[in-house]
Amino acid sequence: VPFAGATSASSCGCSEGAYEQKGECTECGEGMMCPGMGEVLLEPSYFSSVDDPGFVFRCFGGDHTRCPGGPPGSCAKGRLNSTLTCTACGENMRPGADGVCEDCGGTDQLPFIVALILGMLVTIALYRAVDTENPASRNKGILLIAITGSQTI
């Protein structure tokens, strides 16, 4: 009994549970959902690149939500899909809640700036304490603290 073939290339594709790889239908593996016609989707906590959707990785760790599932190459907001399992954040971003990456705000630099200013003030105060005393009666301990403190900065 003859069967009618596809009338166009867009009608060709694999049946449900398989995807097309190098011109052949391949059974979907763990973490994959294949609704048919060559479409590949990933379950949440799984990742694959756009170039090789059949090579699937499981996203482990505390922030496994960085791999939301969906089409191959999908990562949580701000994550780079060029890294294996969406591990890296974009430039000037840091890991946040629910696997997404958020912008690094100016407040991230505040503790460093405060520590730097306090260090400079302590150094100036020690220098003034050592510099204003009579050299003959200068306490050697304060001088040692000032030299040691200035070297750590």
Protein backbone atom coordinates (compact mmCIF):
# COMPACT_ATOMS: atom_id res chain seq x y z
CA VAL A 1 0.00 0.00 0.00
CA PRO A 2 1.66 3.26 -1.01
CA PHE A 3 1.88 6.10 1.51
CA ALA A 4 1.68 9.77 0.71
CA GLY A 5 4.96 11.54 1.40
CA ALA A 6 5.56 14.99 2.78
CA THR A 7 4.65 17.79 0.46
CA SER A 8 7.36 20.15 1.81
CA ALA A 9 10.58 20.04 3.84
CA SER A 10 8.85 21.81 6.74
CA SER A 11 6.51 18.81 7.07
CA CYS A 12 9.43 16.44 7.70
CA GLY A 13 10.56 15.77 11.24
CA CYS A 14 10.93 13.20 13.94
CA SER A 15 8.02 11.78 15.87
CA GLU A 16 7.35 12.57 19.53
CA GLY A 17 10.16 11.34 21.81
CA ALA A 18 12.91 11.88 19.23
CA TYR A 19 14.86 14.77 17.73
CA GLU A 20 16.88 15.22 14.56
CA GLN A 21 20.65 14.91 14.83
CA LYS A 22 22.84 14.88 11.70
CA GLY A 23 19.87 14.04 9.50
CA GLU A 24 18.65 11.11 11.60
CA CYS A 25 16.05 10.79 14.33
CA THR A 26 17.61 10.10 17.74
CA GLU A 27 15.73 9.11 20.88
CA CYS A 28 15.57 11.85 23.53
CA GLY A 29 17.71 11.31 26.61
CA GLU A 30 17.48 12.29 30.28
CA GLY A 31 16.41 15.89 30.84
CA MET A 32 15.05 16.29 27.32
CA MET A 33 11.49 16.71 26.11
CA CYS A 34 10.88 16.12 22.42
CA PRO A 35 7.33 17.00 21.34
CA GLY A 36 8.09 16.05 17.73
CA MET A 37 8.99 17.64 14.41
CA GLY A 38 12.62 18.04 15.53
CA GLU A 39 11.85 20.37 18.43
CA VAL A 40 13.98 19.89 21.56
CA LEU A 41 13.13 21.30 24.97
CA LEU A 42 14.94 20.78 28.25
CA GLU A 43 13.47 20.07 31.66
CA PRO A 44 14.29 22.49 34.50
CA SER A 45 17.77 21.91 36.02
CA TYR A 46 19.17 20.70 32.68
CA PHE A 47 21.31 22.52 30.12
CA SER A 48 22.55 21.95 26.59
CA SER A 49 24.11 24.27 24.05
CA VAL A 50 22.30 25.43 20.94
CA ASP A 51 25.02 23.83 18.79
CA ASP A 52 24.65 20.33 20.30
CA PRO A 53 21.20 19.99 21.90
CA GLY A 54 21.61 16.23 22.40
CA PHE A 55 24.57 16.67 24.76
CA VAL A 56 22.68 17.45 27.99
CA PHE A 57 24.18 18.38 31.37
CA ARG A 58 22.43 18.34 34.73
CA CYS A 59 22.80 21.56 36.74
CA PHE A 60 23.82 20.60 40.27
CA GLY A 61 24.47 22.80 43.28
CA GLY A 62 22.56 25.20 45.44
CA ASP A 63 21.63 27.43 42.52
CA HIS A 64 20.49 24.74 40.05
CA THR A 65 17.66 27.11 39.14
CA ARG A 66 20.22 28.88 36.93
CA CYS A 67 19.10 26.29 34.35
CA PRO A 68 15.39 27.02 33.85
CA GLY A 69 14.80 24.50 31.07
CA GLY A 70 13.18 25.36 27.76
CA PRO A 71 14.99 25.60 24.42
CA PRO A 72 18.68 24.55 24.31
CA GLY A 73 20.99 27.36 25.43
CA SER A 74 18.47 28.77 27.93
CA CYS A 75 19.88 30.20 31.15
CA ALA A 76 18.39 32.25 33.98
CA LYS A 77 18.41 36.02 33.56
CA GLY A 78 21.94 37.46 33.47
CA ARG A 79 23.66 34.05 33.14
CA LEU A 80 25.98 33.32 30.22
CA ASN A 81 24.91 30.40 28.04
CA SER A 82 28.46 30.21 26.71
CA THR A 83 29.52 28.65 30.03
CA LEU A 84 28.82 25.04 30.89
CA THR A 85 25.53 24.79 32.83
CA CYS A 86 25.13 28.58 33.01
CA THR A 87 27.69 28.88 35.81
CA ALA A 88 28.98 32.39 35.07
CA CYS A 89 27.23 35.73 35.32
CA GLY A 90 27.58 38.51 32.79
CA GLU A 91 30.00 41.38 33.24
CA ASN A 92 29.30 43.59 36.28
CA MET A 93 26.79 41.05 37.60
CA ARG A 94 26.78 38.67 40.55
CA PRO A 95 24.76 35.58 41.48
CA GLY A 96 21.47 36.44 43.15
CA ALA A 97 18.40 34.61 44.38
CA ASP A 98 16.64 31.92 42.32
CA GLY A 99 19.62 31.41 39.98
CA VAL A 100 19.42 34.82 38.31
CA CYS A 101 22.31 37.27 38.17
CA GLU A 102 21.79 40.82 39.33
CA ASP A 103 23.68 44.02 38.68
CA CYS A 104 26.52 44.87 41.03
CA GLY A 105 25.47 48.13 42.66
CA GLY A 106 27.70 50.88 43.96
CA THR A 107 27.16 49.60 47.51
CA ASP A 108 29.45 46.63 46.77
CA GLN A 109 32.40 49.03 46.77
CA LEU A 110 31.35 50.89 49.91
CA PRO A 111 32.99 48.56 52.49
CA PHE A 112 36.30 48.72 50.60
CA ILE A 113 36.21 52.52 50.40
CA VAL A 114 35.33 52.86 54.11
CA ALA A 115 38.17 50.48 55.08
CA LEU A 116 40.61 52.41 52.91
CA ILE A 117 39.64 55.76 54.44
CA LEU A 118 39.82 54.37 58.00
CA GLY A 119 43.26 52.90 57.26
CA MET A 120 44.50 56.25 56.00
CA LEU A 121 43.10 58.07 59.06
CA VAL A 122 44.77 55.62 61.45
CA THR A 123 48.08 56.00 59.62
CA ILE A 124 47.83 59.80 59.75
CA ALA A 125 46.92 59.73 63.46
CA LEU A 126 49.88 57.48 64.27
CA TYR A 127 52.22 59.64 62.22
CA ARG A 128 51.03 62.78 64.00
CA ALA A 129 51.47 61.11 67.39
CA VAL A 130 55.02 60.09 66.57
CA ASP A 131 55.94 63.30 64.72
CA THR A 132 54.77 65.85 67.32
CA GLU A 133 56.58 64.43 70.34
CA ASN A 134 60.02 65.46 71.41
CA PRO A 135 62.44 63.14 69.57
CA ALA A 136 64.39 62.43 72.77
CA SER A 137 61.29 61.22 74.63
CA ARG A 138 59.62 59.48 71.68
CA ASN A 139 58.10 56.13 72.56
CA LYS A 140 59.71 53.43 70.41
CA GLY A 141 56.59 51.25 70.65
CA ILE A 142 54.40 53.81 68.87
CA LEU A 143 57.04 54.20 66.17
CA LEU A 144 57.13 50.43 65.66
CA ILE A 145 53.31 50.29 65.44
CA ALA A 146 53.28 53.16 62.92
CA ILE A 147 55.91 51.51 60.69
CA THR A 148 54.21 48.11 60.84
CA GLY A 149 50.76 49.60 60.20
CA SER A 150 51.94 51.62 57.21
CA GLN A 151 53.49 48.51 55.63
CA THR A 152 50.25 46.54 55.85
CA ILE A 153 48.40 49.18 53.86
